[in-house]
Every structure is written in structure tokens, then in C-alpha cells.
Amino acid sequence: RFSEHKLLNYEILNHEDTKGDFIVCLDLSGSMRGTKEIWAKAITLSLLEIQLREKKRFICILFDDDVREIRIFDKKPCSEDIIEFASVFFGGGTNFEKPIKKALTFNGDIVFITDGECEMHRGFIEYVEEVKKGKIYTFCINTRPTVSLKKISDRIITIHQLTSRGAEELFDTII
């Protein structure tokens, strides 16, 4: 589906009216270890490819209980960079507020990739609603989104939606 440009994330996030950077907040907390981590990194690398093809700067905020790294891609990474990226894992606790606050300092749409095992304070949710410049999409890996993620997200996508046979029907409702 990726090579045919039929992936859900391609359709949702590849709109011409999207301006500015493209920011991904990637959860690398302990609860993401294993299959969830693999899914999250696969989605991130797919989005990287798509956005660089669209000539957008790709910003990846890697976090667990704090923002651990910010990687900025202006051009396609070499295979060594991809392997190094795929090997990074932190494994700490989870804090959603710090990476989202950092992502909001950039100008563009935000994709939040997580297993959703964290809540945010009501005051922070109100702050996000006031200052966000683009849309916030959330990919939930093997879980249901928390109440606070539902409040800040313009669209929530689950792995089941990405892999189901009905994914193409979902495209039509989003576009």
C-alpha cells in the first residue's frame, strides 16, 4: 500500500494546504518496547519519506518521561542514519506534555505516536487548544486513546484502522 500511495497516513497527512514543518512526537517509553516500538518507528519512517518527497522539513521529537532528542531532517537520510534511528530506545516513564509543548514551538502539523499510557493536566489541554497552529494527529499503538489525547487530537488513528481491509473506506471519510 505504501508504494501505491494508499496508506492511511499518506492520505491523511499529505494535503497541499498543510504549511510549515512536519513534526512527529515519537514515544520511546518503556511501555513501547517490542512490537509497539516497531510499529511506531515504521510509521515514523514512512511519514519521513512522504514529507521529504513533499519538500517539507521533518522534525522528530523522541521522548519518554522527557524530550530526549530532536532530529531534524531536511533531506533523505542515508541507510546508516536509518539504522541508527531504528536502534534508539529510552525505556523510561511517559510524559506527553513535554514533547507536545516542544512540538508547539514549531510551525506545522503534529503527529503523536504512542501507546497512550499517560494523561495530561486540564490546564495543559486548554493551553494546547489555544496555541496550536496546525492539526494534531494521534496514532495509537495497540490501545485506546486516553481522554486527554482525544481532547487535543484532530484525528486519532489506531493500528487496526491502518491494517484493516476497510482502511480504504476510511480514506474517503477523511479526505
N, C-alpha and C. Protein backbone atom coordinates (compact mmCIF):
# COMPACT_ATOMS: atom_id res chain seq x y z
N ARG A 1 0.81 -1.19 0.00
CA ARG A 1 0.00 0.00 0.00
C ARG A 1 0.86 1.26 0.00
N PHE A 2 2.00 1.25 0.70
CA PHE A 2 2.86 2.43 0.73
C PHE A 2 3.30 2.83 -0.66
N SER A 3 3.78 1.88 -1.45
CA SER A 3 4.30 2.19 -2.78
C SER A 3 3.19 2.67 -3.72
N GLU A 4 1.94 2.30 -3.43
CA GLU A 4 0.82 2.74 -4.25
C GLU A 4 0.18 4.02 -3.72
N HIS A 5 0.76 4.59 -2.66
CA HIS A 5 0.24 5.81 -2.01
C HIS A 5 -1.17 5.60 -1.48
N LYS A 6 -1.43 4.41 -0.93
CA LYS A 6 -2.75 4.09 -0.42
C LYS A 6 -2.76 3.89 1.09
N LEU A 7 -1.67 4.17 1.74
CA LEU A 7 -1.67 4.05 3.20
C LEU A 7 -2.51 5.14 3.81
N LEU A 8 -3.16 4.85 4.91
CA LEU A 8 -3.99 5.82 5.59
C LEU A 8 -3.20 7.07 5.96
N ASN A 9 -1.98 6.89 6.48
CA ASN A 9 -1.21 8.05 6.88
C ASN A 9 -0.84 8.93 5.70
N TYR A 10 -0.66 8.35 4.52
CA TYR A 10 -0.35 9.14 3.33
C TYR A 10 -1.54 10.03 2.98
N GLU A 11 -2.73 9.46 3.00
CA GLU A 11 -3.92 10.21 2.63
C GLU A 11 -4.26 11.28 3.66
N ILE A 12 -4.13 10.98 4.92
CA ILE A 12 -4.49 11.93 5.96
C ILE A 12 -3.52 13.11 5.98
N LEU A 13 -2.24 12.81 5.84
CA LEU A 13 -1.24 13.82 6.12
C LEU A 13 -0.63 14.45 4.90
N ASN A 14 -1.07 14.11 3.72
CA ASN A 14 -0.46 14.63 2.51
C ASN A 14 -1.41 15.60 1.81
N HIS A 15 -1.79 16.64 2.51
CA HIS A 15 -2.66 17.65 1.94
C HIS A 15 -1.85 18.86 1.51
N GLU A 16 -2.19 19.43 0.37
CA GLU A 16 -1.44 20.57 -0.14
C GLU A 16 -1.60 21.81 0.73
N ASP A 17 -2.69 21.90 1.50
CA ASP A 17 -2.90 23.09 2.30
C ASP A 17 -2.09 23.07 3.60
N THR A 18 -1.39 21.99 3.87
CA THR A 18 -0.55 21.91 5.05
C THR A 18 0.69 22.76 4.83
N LYS A 19 0.94 23.67 5.76
CA LYS A 19 2.07 24.57 5.63
C LYS A 19 3.06 24.33 6.77
N GLY A 20 4.28 24.75 6.56
CA GLY A 20 5.27 24.69 7.61
C GLY A 20 5.93 23.34 7.73
N ASP A 21 6.47 23.11 8.91
CA ASP A 21 7.18 21.87 9.20
C ASP A 21 6.21 20.72 9.40
N PHE A 22 6.78 19.55 9.49
CA PHE A 22 6.01 18.37 9.82
C PHE A 22 6.67 17.77 11.05
N ILE A 23 5.94 17.71 12.15
CA ILE A 23 6.52 17.33 13.44
C ILE A 23 5.93 16.01 13.92
N VAL A 24 6.81 15.07 14.27
CA VAL A 24 6.38 13.79 14.84
C VAL A 24 6.93 13.69 16.26
N CYS A 25 6.04 13.40 17.19
CA CYS A 25 6.44 13.09 18.57
C CYS A 25 6.37 11.58 18.72
N LEU A 26 7.52 10.96 18.93
CA LEU A 26 7.63 9.50 18.96
C LEU A 26 7.89 9.02 20.39
N ASP A 27 6.94 8.29 20.93
CA ASP A 27 7.01 7.75 22.28
C ASP A 27 7.96 6.55 22.31
N LEU A 28 9.05 6.68 23.06
CA LEU A 28 10.00 5.58 23.24
C LEU A 28 10.14 5.24 24.72
N SER A 29 8.99 5.27 25.43
CA SER A 29 8.97 4.92 26.85
C SER A 29 8.98 3.40 27.01
N GLY A 30 9.15 2.95 28.22
CA GLY A 30 9.25 1.51 28.50
C GLY A 30 8.06 0.70 28.01
N SER A 31 6.87 1.27 28.07
CA SER A 31 5.68 0.53 27.64
C SER A 31 5.62 0.32 26.13
N MET A 32 6.48 1.01 25.38
CA MET A 32 6.51 0.87 23.92
C MET A 32 7.46 -0.23 23.45
N ARG A 33 8.18 -0.84 24.34
CA ARG A 33 9.17 -1.86 23.96
C ARG A 33 8.52 -3.00 23.17
N GLY A 34 9.25 -3.49 22.17
CA GLY A 34 8.78 -4.65 21.40
C GLY A 34 8.00 -4.26 20.15
N THR A 35 6.89 -4.93 19.95
CA THR A 35 6.09 -4.75 18.74
C THR A 35 5.59 -3.32 18.59
N LYS A 36 5.18 -2.69 19.68
CA LYS A 36 4.70 -1.30 19.62
C LYS A 36 5.79 -0.38 19.09
N GLU A 37 7.00 -0.57 19.56
CA GLU A 37 8.13 0.24 19.10
C GLU A 37 8.36 0.05 17.60
N ILE A 38 8.28 -1.18 17.14
CA ILE A 38 8.48 -1.47 15.71
C ILE A 38 7.42 -0.77 14.87
N TRP A 39 6.15 -0.87 15.28
CA TRP A 39 5.08 -0.18 14.56
C TRP A 39 5.31 1.33 14.54
N ALA A 40 5.64 1.88 15.70
CA ALA A 40 5.82 3.33 15.81
C ALA A 40 6.94 3.83 14.91
N LYS A 41 8.04 3.12 14.89
CA LYS A 41 9.16 3.53 14.04
C LYS A 41 8.85 3.33 12.56
N ALA A 42 8.10 2.30 12.22
CA ALA A 42 7.72 2.09 10.82
C ALA A 42 6.83 3.23 10.33
N ILE A 43 5.88 3.64 11.16
CA ILE A 43 5.02 4.76 10.80
C ILE A 43 5.85 6.04 10.65
N THR A 44 6.76 6.26 11.59
CA THR A 44 7.60 7.45 11.54
C THR A 44 8.45 7.48 10.28
N LEU A 45 9.08 6.37 9.94
CA LEU A 45 9.92 6.34 8.74
C LEU A 45 9.10 6.50 7.46
N SER A 46 7.89 5.98 7.44
CA SER A 46 7.01 6.18 6.29
C SER A 46 6.65 7.65 6.14
N LEU A 47 6.31 8.28 7.26
CA LEU A 47 5.98 9.71 7.22
C LEU A 47 7.18 10.55 6.81
N LEU A 48 8.37 10.17 7.27
CA LEU A 48 9.59 10.87 6.88
C LEU A 48 9.75 10.86 5.37
N GLU A 49 9.61 9.70 4.78
CA GLU A 49 9.75 9.56 3.32
C GLU A 49 8.73 10.43 2.59
N ILE A 50 7.49 10.37 3.02
CA ILE A 50 6.42 11.12 2.36
C ILE A 50 6.66 12.62 2.47
N GLN A 51 6.98 13.08 3.64
CA GLN A 51 7.13 14.53 3.83
C GLN A 51 8.36 15.09 3.14
N LEU A 52 9.45 14.34 3.11
CA LEU A 52 10.63 14.82 2.39
C LEU A 52 10.36 14.86 0.88
N ARG A 53 9.58 13.93 0.41
CA ARG A 53 9.19 13.95 -1.00
C ARG A 53 8.37 15.20 -1.31
N GLU A 54 7.62 15.66 -0.32
CA GLU A 54 6.81 16.87 -0.47
C GLU A 54 7.60 18.13 -0.15
N LYS A 55 8.90 17.98 0.08
CA LYS A 55 9.82 19.09 0.35
C LYS A 55 9.50 19.82 1.66
N LYS A 56 9.08 19.07 2.65
CA LYS A 56 8.81 19.63 3.97
C LYS A 56 9.91 19.21 4.94
N ARG A 57 10.26 20.11 5.81
CA ARG A 57 11.23 19.77 6.86
C ARG A 57 10.53 18.85 7.85
N PHE A 58 11.21 17.75 8.21
CA PHE A 58 10.66 16.73 9.09
C PHE A 58 11.37 16.82 10.43
N ILE A 59 10.60 17.04 11.48
CA ILE A 59 11.16 17.17 12.82
C ILE A 59 10.63 16.01 13.66
N CYS A 60 11.54 15.26 14.25
CA CYS A 60 11.14 14.11 15.07
C CYS A 60 11.58 14.35 16.51
N ILE A 61 10.62 14.40 17.40
CA ILE A 61 10.87 14.60 18.82
C ILE A 61 10.76 13.24 19.49
N LEU A 62 11.89 12.74 19.98
CA LEU A 62 11.94 11.44 20.64
C LEU A 62 11.80 11.67 22.14
N PHE A 63 10.86 10.95 22.77
CA PHE A 63 10.60 11.21 24.18
C PHE A 63 10.26 9.95 24.95
N ASP A 64 10.42 10.05 26.25
CA ASP A 64 9.84 9.10 27.20
C ASP A 64 9.26 9.97 28.32
N ASP A 65 9.92 10.05 29.48
CA ASP A 65 9.42 10.96 30.51
C ASP A 65 9.94 12.39 30.32
N ASP A 66 10.74 12.59 29.28
CA ASP A 66 11.26 13.91 28.93
C ASP A 66 11.57 13.89 27.43
N VAL A 67 11.80 15.04 26.86
CA VAL A 67 12.25 15.11 25.47
C VAL A 67 13.71 14.72 25.49
N ARG A 68 14.06 13.60 24.83
CA ARG A 68 15.44 13.10 24.85
C ARG A 68 16.25 13.57 23.66
N GLU A 69 15.62 13.65 22.50
CA GLU A 69 16.33 14.10 21.28
C GLU A 69 15.35 14.77 20.35
N ILE A 70 15.88 15.69 19.57
CA ILE A 70 15.11 16.28 18.47
C ILE A 70 15.96 16.10 17.23
N ARG A 71 15.40 15.42 16.25
CA ARG A 71 16.11 15.19 14.99
C ARG A 71 15.39 15.94 13.88
N ILE A 72 16.16 16.70 13.13
CA ILE A 72 15.59 17.48 12.03
C ILE A 72 16.16 16.96 10.73
N PHE A 73 15.24 16.61 9.82
CA PHE A 73 15.63 16.07 8.52
C PHE A 73 15.20 17.06 7.43
N ASP A 74 16.18 17.52 6.66
CA ASP A 74 15.91 18.38 5.50
C ASP A 74 16.03 17.59 4.21
N LYS A 75 16.71 16.45 4.29
CA LYS A 75 16.91 15.60 3.12
C LYS A 75 16.82 14.15 3.56
N LYS A 76 16.69 13.29 2.58
CA LYS A 76 16.56 11.87 2.87
C LYS A 76 17.79 11.34 3.60
N PRO A 77 17.59 10.65 4.72
CA PRO A 77 18.73 10.11 5.46
C PRO A 77 19.36 8.92 4.74
N CYS A 78 20.64 8.71 4.98
CA CYS A 78 21.32 7.54 4.41
C CYS A 78 20.93 6.30 5.22
N SER A 79 21.26 5.14 4.72
CA SER A 79 20.87 3.90 5.38
C SER A 79 21.47 3.78 6.79
N GLU A 80 22.68 4.30 6.98
CA GLU A 80 23.29 4.25 8.32
C GLU A 80 22.49 5.08 9.32
N ASP A 81 21.98 6.24 8.87
CA ASP A 81 21.16 7.09 9.74
C ASP A 81 19.85 6.40 10.10
N ILE A 82 19.27 5.70 9.15
CA ILE A 82 18.02 4.98 9.41
C ILE A 82 18.24 3.85 10.39
N ILE A 83 19.32 3.11 10.22
CA ILE A 83 19.64 2.02 11.15
C ILE A 83 19.89 2.57 12.54
N GLU A 84 20.61 3.65 12.63
CA GLU A 84 20.88 4.27 13.94
C GLU A 84 19.58 4.75 14.57
N PHE A 85 18.71 5.38 13.79
CA PHE A 85 17.42 5.84 14.29
C PHE A 85 16.59 4.66 14.80
N ALA A 86 16.57 3.58 14.06
CA ALA A 86 15.77 2.41 14.43
C ALA A 86 16.29 1.75 15.70
N SER A 87 17.54 1.98 16.05
CA SER A 87 18.11 1.33 17.24
C SER A 87 17.93 2.15 18.52
N VAL A 88 17.49 3.39 18.41
CA VAL A 88 17.33 4.25 19.59
C VAL A 88 16.12 3.81 20.41
N PHE A 89 16.31 3.68 21.71
CA PHE A 89 15.21 3.39 22.63
C PHE A 89 15.60 3.88 24.00
N PHE A 90 14.67 4.51 24.71
CA PHE A 90 14.99 5.07 26.02
C PHE A 90 14.43 4.24 27.16
N GLY A 91 13.15 3.90 27.12
CA GLY A 91 12.58 2.98 28.09
C GLY A 91 12.20 3.55 29.43
N GLY A 92 12.15 4.86 29.58
CA GLY A 92 11.75 5.46 30.85
C GLY A 92 10.24 5.50 31.01
N GLY A 93 9.78 6.41 31.88
CA GLY A 93 8.34 6.62 32.07
C GLY A 93 7.77 7.38 30.88
N THR A 94 6.57 7.93 31.04
CA THR A 94 5.93 8.63 29.93
C THR A 94 5.41 9.99 30.39
N ASN A 95 5.73 11.02 29.61
CA ASN A 95 5.19 12.35 29.84
C ASN A 95 4.81 12.92 28.48
N PHE A 96 3.52 13.16 28.26
CA PHE A 96 3.06 13.71 26.99
C PHE A 96 3.23 15.22 26.90
N GLU A 97 3.17 15.91 28.02
CA GLU A 97 3.16 17.37 27.99
C GLU A 97 4.46 17.96 27.46
N LYS A 98 5.59 17.40 27.83
CA LYS A 98 6.88 17.96 27.40
C LYS A 98 7.09 17.87 25.89
N PRO A 99 6.85 16.71 25.25
CA PRO A 99 7.05 16.69 23.79
C PRO A 99 6.02 17.52 23.03
N ILE A 100 4.79 17.55 23.51
CA ILE A 100 3.78 18.36 22.83
C ILE A 100 4.13 19.84 22.95
N LYS A 101 4.55 20.25 24.13
CA LYS A 101 4.94 21.66 24.32
C LYS A 101 6.09 22.01 23.38
N LYS A 102 7.06 21.12 23.25
CA LYS A 102 8.18 21.35 22.34
C LYS A 102 7.70 21.39 20.89
N ALA A 103 6.82 20.47 20.52
CA ALA A 103 6.31 20.43 19.14
C ALA A 103 5.57 21.71 18.79
N LEU A 104 4.89 22.30 19.75
CA LEU A 104 4.14 23.53 19.51
C LEU A 104 5.04 24.74 19.25
N THR A 105 6.34 24.62 19.52
CA THR A 105 7.26 25.72 19.22
C THR A 105 7.60 25.78 17.74
N PHE A 106 7.29 24.71 17.01
CA PHE A 106 7.50 24.68 15.56
C PHE A 106 6.19 25.05 14.88
N ASN A 107 6.26 25.31 13.61
CA ASN A 107 5.06 25.70 12.85
C ASN A 107 4.67 24.59 11.89
N GLY A 108 3.60 23.89 12.19
CA GLY A 108 3.15 22.83 11.29
C GLY A 108 2.27 21.83 11.98
N ASP A 109 1.89 20.81 11.23
CA ASP A 109 1.07 19.74 11.78
C ASP A 109 1.92 18.83 12.66
N ILE A 110 1.27 18.25 13.66
CA ILE A 110 1.95 17.37 14.62
C ILE A 110 1.32 15.99 14.55
N VAL A 111 2.18 14.99 14.52
CA VAL A 111 1.73 13.60 14.62
C VAL A 111 2.30 13.04 15.91
N PHE A 112 1.42 12.54 16.74
CA PHE A 112 1.79 12.00 18.04
C PHE A 112 1.64 10.49 17.95
N ILE A 113 2.74 9.75 18.13
CA ILE A 113 2.71 8.29 18.01
C ILE A 113 3.02 7.69 19.38
N THR A 114 2.05 6.94 19.92
CA THR A 114 2.18 6.47 21.29
C THR A 114 1.28 5.26 21.54
N ASP A 115 1.50 4.61 22.68
CA ASP A 115 0.56 3.59 23.12
C ASP A 115 -0.47 4.22 24.06
N GLY A 116 -0.34 5.51 24.30
CA GLY A 116 -1.37 6.27 25.00
C GLY A 116 -1.43 6.10 26.50
N GLU A 117 -0.40 5.61 27.11
CA GLU A 117 -0.45 5.32 28.54
C GLU A 117 0.02 6.50 29.38
N CYS A 118 -0.72 7.62 29.28
CA CYS A 118 -0.39 8.81 30.06
C CYS A 118 -1.57 9.78 29.95
N GLU A 119 -1.79 10.57 30.96
CA GLU A 119 -2.81 11.61 30.93
C GLU A 119 -2.13 12.98 31.01
N MET A 120 -2.88 14.01 30.67
CA MET A 120 -2.37 15.38 30.72
C MET A 120 -3.28 16.21 31.63
N HIS A 121 -2.72 17.25 32.24
CA HIS A 121 -3.49 18.14 33.09
C HIS A 121 -4.47 18.97 32.26
N ARG A 122 -5.60 19.30 32.85
CA ARG A 122 -6.63 20.07 32.15
C ARG A 122 -6.09 21.42 31.68
N GLY A 123 -5.28 22.08 32.51
CA GLY A 123 -4.70 23.36 32.13
C GLY A 123 -3.80 23.25 30.90
N PHE A 124 -3.09 22.15 30.79
CA PHE A 124 -2.23 21.94 29.63
C PHE A 124 -3.07 21.70 28.37
N ILE A 125 -4.13 20.95 28.51
CA ILE A 125 -5.02 20.70 27.37
C ILE A 125 -5.59 22.01 26.85
N GLU A 126 -6.00 22.88 27.75
CA GLU A 126 -6.51 24.20 27.35
C GLU A 126 -5.43 25.02 26.65
N TYR A 127 -4.20 24.94 27.16
CA TYR A 127 -3.06 25.63 26.54
C TYR A 127 -2.85 25.14 25.11
N VAL A 128 -2.89 23.84 24.89
CA VAL A 128 -2.71 23.26 23.55
C VAL A 128 -3.79 23.78 22.61
N GLU A 129 -5.02 23.77 23.07
CA GLU A 129 -6.13 24.22 22.23
C GLU A 129 -5.97 25.69 21.83
N GLU A 130 -5.37 26.49 22.70
CA GLU A 130 -5.17 27.92 22.43
C GLU A 130 -4.04 28.19 21.44
N VAL A 131 -2.93 27.46 21.56
CA VAL A 131 -1.73 27.83 20.81
C VAL A 131 -1.41 26.97 19.59
N LYS A 132 -2.10 25.86 19.41
CA LYS A 132 -1.71 25.01 18.27
C LYS A 132 -1.96 25.73 16.95
N LYS A 133 -0.98 25.56 16.05
CA LYS A 133 -1.00 26.26 14.76
C LYS A 133 -1.51 25.37 13.65
N GLY A 134 -1.27 24.08 13.76
CA GLY A 134 -1.71 23.11 12.75
C GLY A 134 -2.61 22.09 13.40
N LYS A 135 -2.75 20.98 12.73
CA LYS A 135 -3.57 19.90 13.27
C LYS A 135 -2.70 18.94 14.07
N ILE A 136 -3.33 18.23 14.99
CA ILE A 136 -2.65 17.19 15.75
C ILE A 136 -3.34 15.86 15.43
N TYR A 137 -2.53 14.94 14.89
CA TYR A 137 -2.99 13.59 14.59
C TYR A 137 -2.33 12.66 15.61
N THR A 138 -3.08 11.69 16.09
CA THR A 138 -2.52 10.73 17.04
C THR A 138 -2.67 9.33 16.48
N PHE A 139 -1.54 8.60 16.47
CA PHE A 139 -1.54 7.18 16.14
C PHE A 139 -1.45 6.42 17.45
N CYS A 140 -2.48 5.64 17.76
CA CYS A 140 -2.48 4.83 18.98
C CYS A 140 -2.06 3.41 18.63
N ILE A 141 -1.01 2.97 19.27
CA ILE A 141 -0.46 1.65 19.02
C ILE A 141 -1.02 0.68 20.06
N ASN A 142 -1.84 -0.27 19.62
CA ASN A 142 -2.36 -1.35 20.47
C ASN A 142 -3.09 -0.87 21.72
N THR A 143 -3.78 0.22 21.65
CA THR A 143 -4.51 0.72 22.81
C THR A 143 -5.57 1.70 22.36
N ARG A 144 -6.41 2.06 23.28
CA ARG A 144 -7.40 3.12 23.03
C ARG A 144 -6.82 4.43 23.53
N PRO A 145 -7.15 5.53 22.89
CA PRO A 145 -6.60 6.80 23.34
C PRO A 145 -7.18 7.23 24.69
N THR A 146 -6.37 7.93 25.44
CA THR A 146 -6.83 8.47 26.72
C THR A 146 -7.78 9.63 26.45
N VAL A 147 -8.49 10.04 27.48
CA VAL A 147 -9.42 11.17 27.37
C VAL A 147 -8.66 12.43 26.95
N SER A 148 -7.50 12.66 27.52
CA SER A 148 -6.76 13.88 27.19
C SER A 148 -6.25 13.85 25.74
N LEU A 149 -5.85 12.70 25.23
CA LEU A 149 -5.44 12.63 23.82
C LEU A 149 -6.61 12.91 22.90
N LYS A 150 -7.79 12.44 23.27
CA LYS A 150 -8.98 12.71 22.47
C LYS A 150 -9.26 14.21 22.41
N LYS A 151 -9.01 14.91 23.50
CA LYS A 151 -9.31 16.34 23.56
C LYS A 151 -8.37 17.18 22.71
N ILE A 152 -7.11 16.80 22.60
CA ILE A 152 -6.16 17.64 21.83
C ILE A 152 -6.01 17.21 20.38
N SER A 153 -6.48 16.01 20.04
CA SER A 153 -6.26 15.48 18.69
C SER A 153 -7.38 15.86 17.74
N ASP A 154 -7.00 16.23 16.53
CA ASP A 154 -7.97 16.48 15.48
C ASP A 154 -8.42 15.17 14.86
N ARG A 155 -7.56 14.19 14.90
CA ARG A 155 -7.87 12.86 14.34
C ARG A 155 -7.05 11.82 15.09
N ILE A 156 -7.69 10.71 15.46
CA ILE A 156 -7.00 9.60 16.12
C ILE A 156 -7.11 8.37 15.22
N ILE A 157 -5.98 7.75 14.98
CA ILE A 157 -5.92 6.58 14.13
C ILE A 157 -5.33 5.43 14.95
N THR A 158 -5.92 4.25 14.82
CA THR A 158 -5.38 3.09 15.51
C THR A 158 -4.68 2.19 14.50
N ILE A 159 -3.83 1.33 14.99
CA ILE A 159 -3.14 0.38 14.13
C ILE A 159 -4.17 -0.50 13.42
N HIS A 160 -5.23 -0.85 14.11
CA HIS A 160 -6.27 -1.67 13.49
C HIS A 160 -6.84 -0.98 12.25
N GLN A 161 -7.04 0.33 12.32
CA GLN A 161 -7.55 1.07 11.16
C GLN A 161 -6.56 1.06 10.01
N LEU A 162 -5.27 1.10 10.33
CA LEU A 162 -4.25 1.09 9.28
C LEU A 162 -4.15 -0.26 8.59
N THR A 163 -4.40 -1.32 9.31
CA THR A 163 -4.17 -2.65 8.76
C THR A 163 -5.45 -3.36 8.31
N SER A 164 -6.61 -2.79 8.59
CA SER A 164 -7.85 -3.47 8.22
C SER A 164 -8.14 -3.35 6.74
N ARG A 165 -8.95 -4.26 6.26
CA ARG A 165 -9.35 -4.23 4.85
C ARG A 165 -10.23 -3.02 4.55
N GLY A 166 -10.86 -2.48 5.57
CA GLY A 166 -11.72 -1.32 5.38
C GLY A 166 -10.97 0.01 5.42
N ALA A 167 -9.64 -0.03 5.43
CA ALA A 167 -8.85 1.20 5.53
C ALA A 167 -9.13 2.14 4.37
N GLU A 168 -9.33 1.60 3.18
CA GLU A 168 -9.57 2.46 2.02
C GLU A 168 -10.89 3.21 2.17
N GLU A 169 -11.89 2.60 2.80
CA GLU A 169 -13.15 3.30 3.04
C GLU A 169 -12.94 4.44 4.02
N LEU A 170 -12.04 4.23 4.97
CA LEU A 170 -11.73 5.27 5.93
C LEU A 170 -11.10 6.48 5.24
N PHE A 171 -10.32 6.24 4.19
CA PHE A 171 -9.72 7.34 3.44
C PHE A 171 -10.79 8.30 2.95
N ASP A 172 -11.84 7.73 2.38
CA ASP A 172 -12.89 8.56 1.79
C ASP A 172 -13.57 9.45 2.83
N THR A 173 -13.69 8.98 4.05
CA THR A 173 -14.33 9.79 5.08
C THR A 173 -13.42 10.89 5.59
N ILE A 174 -12.12 10.73 5.41
CA ILE A 174 -11.16 11.70 5.92
C ILE A 174 -10.90 12.82 4.91
N ILE A 175 -10.86 12.49 3.65
CA ILE A 175 -10.47 13.47 2.64
C ILE A 175 -11.59 14.43 2.34
